[in-house]
PDB file of N, CA and C in Angstrom:
ATOM      1  N   MET A   1      16.270 -13.907   4.876  1.00  0.00           N
ATOM      2  CA  MET A   1      16.079 -15.279   5.249  1.00  0.00           C
ATOM      3  C   MET A   1      14.576 -15.528   5.297  1.00  0.00           C
ATOM      4  N   ALA A   2      14.143 -16.604   4.659  1.00  0.00           N
ATOM      5  CA  ALA A   2      12.728 -16.975   4.684  1.00  0.00           C
ATOM      6  C   ALA A   2      12.507 -18.048   5.742  1.00  0.00           C
ATOM      7  N   TYR A   3      11.401 -17.951   6.445  1.00  0.00           N
ATOM      8  CA  TYR A   3      11.079 -18.888   7.516  1.00  0.00           C
ATOM      9  C   TYR A   3       9.928 -19.805   7.108  1.00  0.00           C
ATOM     10  N   ASP A   4       9.777 -20.909   7.810  1.00  0.00           N
ATOM     11  CA  ASP A   4       8.741 -21.890   7.501  1.00  0.00           C
ATOM     12  C   ASP A   4       7.331 -21.313   7.551  1.00  0.00           C
ATOM     13  N   ASP A   5       7.112 -20.280   8.355  1.00  0.00           N
ATOM     14  CA  ASP A   5       5.776 -19.681   8.445  1.00  0.00           C
ATOM     15  C   ASP A   5       5.487 -18.710   7.296  1.00  0.00           C
ATOM     16  N   GLY A   6       6.444 -18.555   6.372  1.00  0.00           N
ATOM     17  CA  GLY A   6       6.245 -17.680   5.217  1.00  0.00           C
ATOM     18  C   GLY A   6       6.825 -16.292   5.394  1.00  0.00           C
ATOM     19  N   SER A   7       7.199 -15.926   6.608  1.00  0.00           N
ATOM     20  CA  SER A   7       7.755 -14.592   6.841  1.00  0.00           C
ATOM     21  C   SER A   7       9.214 -14.536   6.397  1.00  0.00           C
ATOM     22  N   ALA A   8       9.761 -13.338   6.366  1.00  0.00           N
ATOM     23  CA  ALA A   8      11.146 -13.161   5.925  1.00  0.00           C
ATOM     24  C   ALA A   8      11.808 -12.055   6.713  1.00  0.00           C
ATOM     25  N   HIS A   9      13.114 -12.172   6.881  1.00  0.00           N
ATOM     26  CA  HIS A   9      13.924 -11.135   7.509  1.00  0.00           C
ATOM     27  C   HIS A   9      14.965 -10.727   6.483  1.00  0.00           C
ATOM     28  N   VAL A  10      15.082  -9.428   6.248  1.00  0.00           N
ATOM     29  CA  VAL A  10      15.961  -8.915   5.206  1.00  0.00           C
ATOM     30  C   VAL A  10      16.962  -7.939   5.815  1.00  0.00           C
ATOM     31  N   ILE A  11      18.206  -8.073   5.399  1.00  0.00           N
ATOM     32  CA  ILE A  11      19.246  -7.120   5.787  1.00  0.00           C
ATOM     33  C   ILE A  11      19.804  -6.526   4.507  1.00  0.00           C
ATOM     34  N   GLY A  12      19.738  -5.205   4.380  1.00  0.00           N
ATOM     35  CA  GLY A  12      20.222  -4.532   3.182  1.00  0.00           C
ATOM     36  C   GLY A  12      21.742  -4.473   3.131  1.00  0.00           C
ATOM     37  N   MET A  13      22.252  -4.140   1.955  1.00  0.00           N
ATOM     38  CA  MET A  13      23.701  -3.994   1.781  1.00  0.00           C
ATOM     39  C   MET A  13      24.239  -3.036   2.835  1.00  0.00           C
ATOM     40  N   GLY A  14      25.314  -3.390   3.462  1.00  0.00           N
ATOM     41  CA  GLY A  14      25.923  -2.551   4.480  1.00  0.00           C
ATOM     42  C   GLY A  14      25.281  -2.693   5.845  1.00  0.00           C
ATOM     43  N   GLY A  15      24.152  -3.396   5.926  1.00  0.00           N
ATOM     44  CA  GLY A  15      23.502  -3.644   7.197  1.00  0.00           C
ATOM     45  C   GLY A  15      22.730  -2.468   7.783  1.00  0.00           C
ATOM     46  N   ALA A  16      22.607  -1.371   7.028  1.00  0.00           N
ATOM     47  CA  ALA A  16      21.934  -0.183   7.554  1.00  0.00           C
ATOM     48  C   ALA A  16      20.423  -0.352   7.650  1.00  0.00           C
ATOM     49  N   VAL A  17      19.856  -1.216   6.820  1.00  0.00           N
ATOM     50  CA  VAL A  17      18.407  -1.421   6.805  1.00  0.00           C
ATOM     51  C   VAL A  17      18.108  -2.873   7.124  1.00  0.00           C
ATOM     52  N   THR A  18      17.235  -3.115   8.088  1.00  0.00           N
ATOM     53  CA  THR A  18      16.738  -4.454   8.374  1.00  0.00           C
ATOM     54  C   THR A  18      15.222  -4.406   8.407  1.00  0.00           C
ATOM     55  N   MET A  19      14.593  -5.451   7.903  1.00  0.00           N
ATOM     56  CA  MET A  19      13.131  -5.499   7.874  1.00  0.00           C
ATOM     57  C   MET A  19      12.660  -6.906   8.188  1.00  0.00           C
ATOM     58  N   SER A  20      11.557  -7.000   8.888  1.00  0.00           N
ATOM     59  CA  SER A  20      10.842  -8.255   9.065  1.00  0.00           C
ATOM     60  C   SER A  20       9.536  -8.099   8.302  1.00  0.00           C
ATOM     61  N   LEU A  21       9.299  -8.989   7.350  1.00  0.00           N
ATOM     62  CA  LEU A  21       8.169  -8.854   6.441  1.00  0.00           C
ATOM     63  C   LEU A  21       7.350 -10.136   6.395  1.00  0.00           C
ATOM     64  N   GLY A  22       6.161 -10.012   5.835  1.00  0.00           N
ATOM     65  CA  GLY A  22       5.254 -11.146   5.745  1.00  0.00           C
ATOM     66  C   GLY A  22       5.662 -12.195   4.742  1.00  0.00           C
ATOM     67  N   SER A  23       6.485 -11.824   3.764  1.00  0.00           N
ATOM     68  CA  SER A  23       6.927 -12.785   2.755  1.00  0.00           C
ATOM     69  C   SER A  23       8.197 -12.287   2.076  1.00  0.00           C
ATOM     70  N   PRO A  24       8.972 -13.192   1.491  1.00  0.00           N
ATOM     71  CA  PRO A  24      10.150 -12.766   0.742  1.00  0.00           C
ATOM     72  C   PRO A  24       9.782 -11.900  -0.457  1.00  0.00           C
ATOM     73  N   GLU A  25       8.641 -12.196  -1.082  1.00  0.00           N
ATOM     74  CA  GLU A  25       8.199 -11.410  -2.229  1.00  0.00           C
ATOM     75  C   GLU A  25       7.948  -9.951  -1.841  1.00  0.00           C
ATOM     76  N   ARG A  26       7.514  -9.734  -0.636  1.00  0.00           N
ATOM     77  CA  ARG A  26       7.284  -8.372  -0.147  1.00  0.00           C
ATOM     78  C   ARG A  26       8.607  -7.609  -0.056  1.00  0.00           C
ATOM     79  N   ALA A  27       9.674  -8.299   0.305  1.00  0.00           N
ATOM     80  CA  ALA A  27      10.993  -7.665   0.348  1.00  0.00           C
ATOM     81  C   ALA A  27      11.424  -7.254  -1.050  1.00  0.00           C
ATOM     82  N   ALA A  28      11.217  -8.136  -2.029  1.00  0.00           N
ATOM     83  CA  ALA A  28      11.560  -7.806  -3.415  1.00  0.00           C
ATOM     84  C   ALA A  28      10.759  -6.601  -3.883  1.00  0.00           C
ATOM     85  N   TRP A  29       9.486  -6.537  -3.535  1.00  0.00           N
ATOM     86  CA  TRP A  29       8.653  -5.389  -3.914  1.00  0.00           C
ATOM     87  C   TRP A  29       9.182  -4.113  -3.271  1.00  0.00           C
ATOM     88  N   HIS A  30       9.492  -4.171  -1.986  1.00  0.00           N
ATOM     89  CA  HIS A  30       9.937  -2.982  -1.256  1.00  0.00           C
ATOM     90  C   HIS A  30      11.228  -2.415  -1.852  1.00  0.00           C
ATOM     91  N   TYR A  31      12.207  -3.271  -2.083  1.00  0.00           N
ATOM     92  CA  TYR A  31      13.473  -2.795  -2.635  1.00  0.00           C
ATOM     93  C   TYR A  31      13.338  -2.429  -4.107  1.00  0.00           C
ATOM     94  N   GLY A  32      12.527  -3.168  -4.841  1.00  0.00           N
ATOM     95  CA  GLY A  32      12.377  -2.945  -6.274  1.00  0.00           C
ATOM     96  C   GLY A  32      11.726  -1.628  -6.641  1.00  0.00           C
ATOM     97  N   ARG A  33      11.034  -0.988  -5.745  1.00  0.00           N
ATOM     98  CA  ARG A  33      10.356   0.268  -6.063  1.00  0.00           C
ATOM     99  C   ARG A  33      11.229   1.499  -5.822  1.00  0.00           C
ATOM    100  N   ARG A  34      12.422   1.308  -5.292  1.00  0.00           N
ATOM    101  CA  ARG A  34      13.334   2.431  -5.049  1.00  0.00           C
ATOM    102  C   ARG A  34      14.129   2.754  -6.305  1.00  0.00           C
ATOM    103  N   LYS A  35      14.281   4.009  -6.589  1.00  0.00           N
ATOM    104  CA  LYS A  35      14.995   4.444  -7.782  1.00  0.00           C
ATOM    105  C   LYS A  35      16.464   4.011  -7.705  1.00  0.00           C
ATOM    106  N   GLY A  36      16.949   3.419  -8.800  1.00  0.00           N
ATOM    107  CA  GLY A  36      18.340   3.015  -8.891  1.00  0.00           C
ATOM    108  C   GLY A  36      18.677   1.721  -8.175  1.00  0.00           C
ATOM    109  N   ILE A  37      17.677   1.020  -7.653  1.00  0.00           N
ATOM    110  CA  ILE A  37      17.914  -0.226  -6.929  1.00  0.00           C
ATOM    111  C   ILE A  37      17.095  -1.329  -7.593  1.00  0.00           C
ATOM    112  N   SER A  38      17.701  -2.465  -7.800  1.00  0.00           N
ATOM    113  CA  SER A  38      16.963  -3.618  -8.304  1.00  0.00           C
ATOM    114  C   SER A  38      16.951  -4.682  -7.210  1.00  0.00           C
ATOM    115  N   ALA A  39      15.969  -5.534  -7.268  1.00  0.00           N
ATOM    116  CA  ALA A  39      15.832  -6.572  -6.246  1.00  0.00           C
ATOM    117  C   ALA A  39      15.525  -7.897  -6.910  1.00  0.00           C
ATOM    118  N   ARG A  40      16.017  -8.949  -6.300  1.00  0.00           N
ATOM    119  CA  ARG A  40      15.678 -10.289  -6.771  1.00  0.00           C
ATOM    120  C   ARG A  40      15.778 -11.252  -5.594  1.00  0.00           C
ATOM    121  N   LEU A  41      15.051 -12.337  -5.711  1.00  0.00           N
ATOM    122  CA  LEU A  41      15.091 -13.388  -4.706  1.00  0.00           C
ATOM    123  C   LEU A  41      16.004 -14.494  -5.199  1.00  0.00           C
ATOM    124  N   VAL A  42      16.797 -15.036  -4.310  1.00  0.00           N
ATOM    125  CA  VAL A  42      17.682 -16.146  -4.638  1.00  0.00           C
ATOM    126  C   VAL A  42      17.359 -17.278  -3.672  1.00  0.00           C
ATOM    127  N   TRP A  43      16.942 -18.409  -4.228  1.00  0.00           N
ATOM    128  CA  TRP A  43      16.613 -19.566  -3.399  1.00  0.00           C
ATOM    129  C   TRP A  43      17.772 -20.553  -3.495  1.00  0.00           C
ATOM    130  N   LEU A  44      18.318 -20.917  -2.367  1.00  0.00           N
ATOM    131  CA  LEU A  44      19.452 -21.831  -2.311  1.00  0.00           C
ATOM    132  C   LEU A  44      19.011 -23.225  -1.921  1.00  0.00           C
ATOM    133  N   ASP A  45      19.736 -24.215  -2.402  1.00  0.00           N
ATOM    134  CA  ASP A  45      19.535 -25.589  -1.982  1.00  0.00           C
ATOM    135  C   ASP A  45      19.890 -25.655  -0.501  1.00  0.00           C
ATOM    136  N   PRO A  46      18.995 -26.150   0.365  1.00  0.00           N
ATOM    137  CA  PRO A  46      19.271 -26.145   1.806  1.00  0.00           C
ATOM    138  C   PRO A  46      20.593 -26.798   2.208  1.00  0.00           C
ATOM    139  N   GLY A  47      21.064 -27.781   1.450  1.00  0.00           N
ATOM    140  CA  GLY A  47      22.286 -28.463   1.822  1.00  0.00           C
ATOM    141  C   GLY A  47      23.542 -27.894   1.190  1.00  0.00           C
ATOM    142  N   ALA A  48      23.385 -26.852   0.380  1.00  0.00           N
ATOM    143  CA  ALA A  48      24.538 -26.306  -0.342  1.00  0.00           C
ATOM    144  C   ALA A  48      24.803 -24.880   0.092  1.00  0.00           C
ATOM    145  N   GLY A  49      26.019 -24.466  -0.041  1.00  0.00           N
ATOM    146  CA  GLY A  49      26.375 -23.079   0.216  1.00  0.00           C
ATOM    147  C   GLY A  49      26.320 -22.297  -1.084  1.00  0.00           C
ATOM    148  N   ALA A  50      26.485 -21.013  -0.992  1.00  0.00           N
ATOM    149  CA  ALA A  50      26.489 -20.165  -2.176  1.00  0.00           C
ATOM    150  C   ALA A  50      27.702 -19.258  -2.142  1.00  0.00           C
ATOM    151  N   ALA A  51      28.250 -19.026  -3.302  1.00  0.00           N
ATOM    152  CA  ALA A  51      29.373 -18.094  -3.417  1.00  0.00           C
ATOM    153  C   ALA A  51      29.064 -17.139  -4.558  1.00  0.00           C
ATOM    154  N   PHE A  52      28.893 -15.881  -4.229  1.00  0.00           N
ATOM    155  CA  PHE A  52      28.592 -14.863  -5.212  1.00  0.00           C
ATOM    156  C   PHE A  52      29.716 -13.833  -5.239  1.00  0.00           C
ATOM    157  N   THR A  53      30.009 -13.330  -6.417  1.00  0.00           N
ATOM    158  CA  THR A  53      30.883 -12.175  -6.490  1.00  0.00           C
ATOM    159  C   THR A  53      30.030 -10.972  -6.134  1.00  0.00           C
ATOM    160  N   ARG A  54      30.636  -9.860  -5.800  1.00  0.00           N
ATOM    161  CA  ARG A  54      29.887  -8.646  -5.471  1.00  0.00           C
ATOM    162  C   ARG A  54      28.985  -8.229  -6.631  1.00  0.00           C
ATOM    163  N   ALA A  55      29.467  -8.347  -7.872  1.00  0.00           N
ATOM    164  CA  ALA A  55      28.668  -7.975  -9.037  1.00  0.00           C
ATOM    165  C   ALA A  55      27.448  -8.886  -9.205  1.00  0.00           C
ATOM    166  N   GLU A  56      27.609 -10.183  -8.938  1.00  0.00           N
ATOM    167  CA  GLU A  56      26.481 -11.106  -9.052  1.00  0.00           C
ATOM    168  C   GLU A  56      25.432 -10.833  -7.984  1.00  0.00           C
ATOM    169  N   ALA A  57      25.850 -10.435  -6.817  1.00  0.00           N
ATOM    170  CA  ALA A  57      24.927 -10.189  -5.716  1.00  0.00           C
ATOM    171  C   ALA A  57      24.204  -8.859  -5.862  1.00  0.00           C
ATOM    172  N   ALA A  58      24.724  -7.956  -6.659  1.00  0.00           N
ATOM    173  CA  ALA A  58      24.128  -6.620  -6.818  1.00  0.00           C
ATOM    174  C   ALA A  58      22.932  -6.651  -7.713  1.00  0.00           C
TER     175      ALA A  58
END
């Protein structure tokens, strides 16, 4: 989740890892550098919900 001050809170798959970071981009960098893991940011329209399949979210 990204906040108005630019910071972000990230919860990894399964909830085992949580991080508070200075920016959402920092979360993408952190996850993206791990072997076998890819990372991407998804920005949602504030007034709309999102529905992802497990494969789309991975």
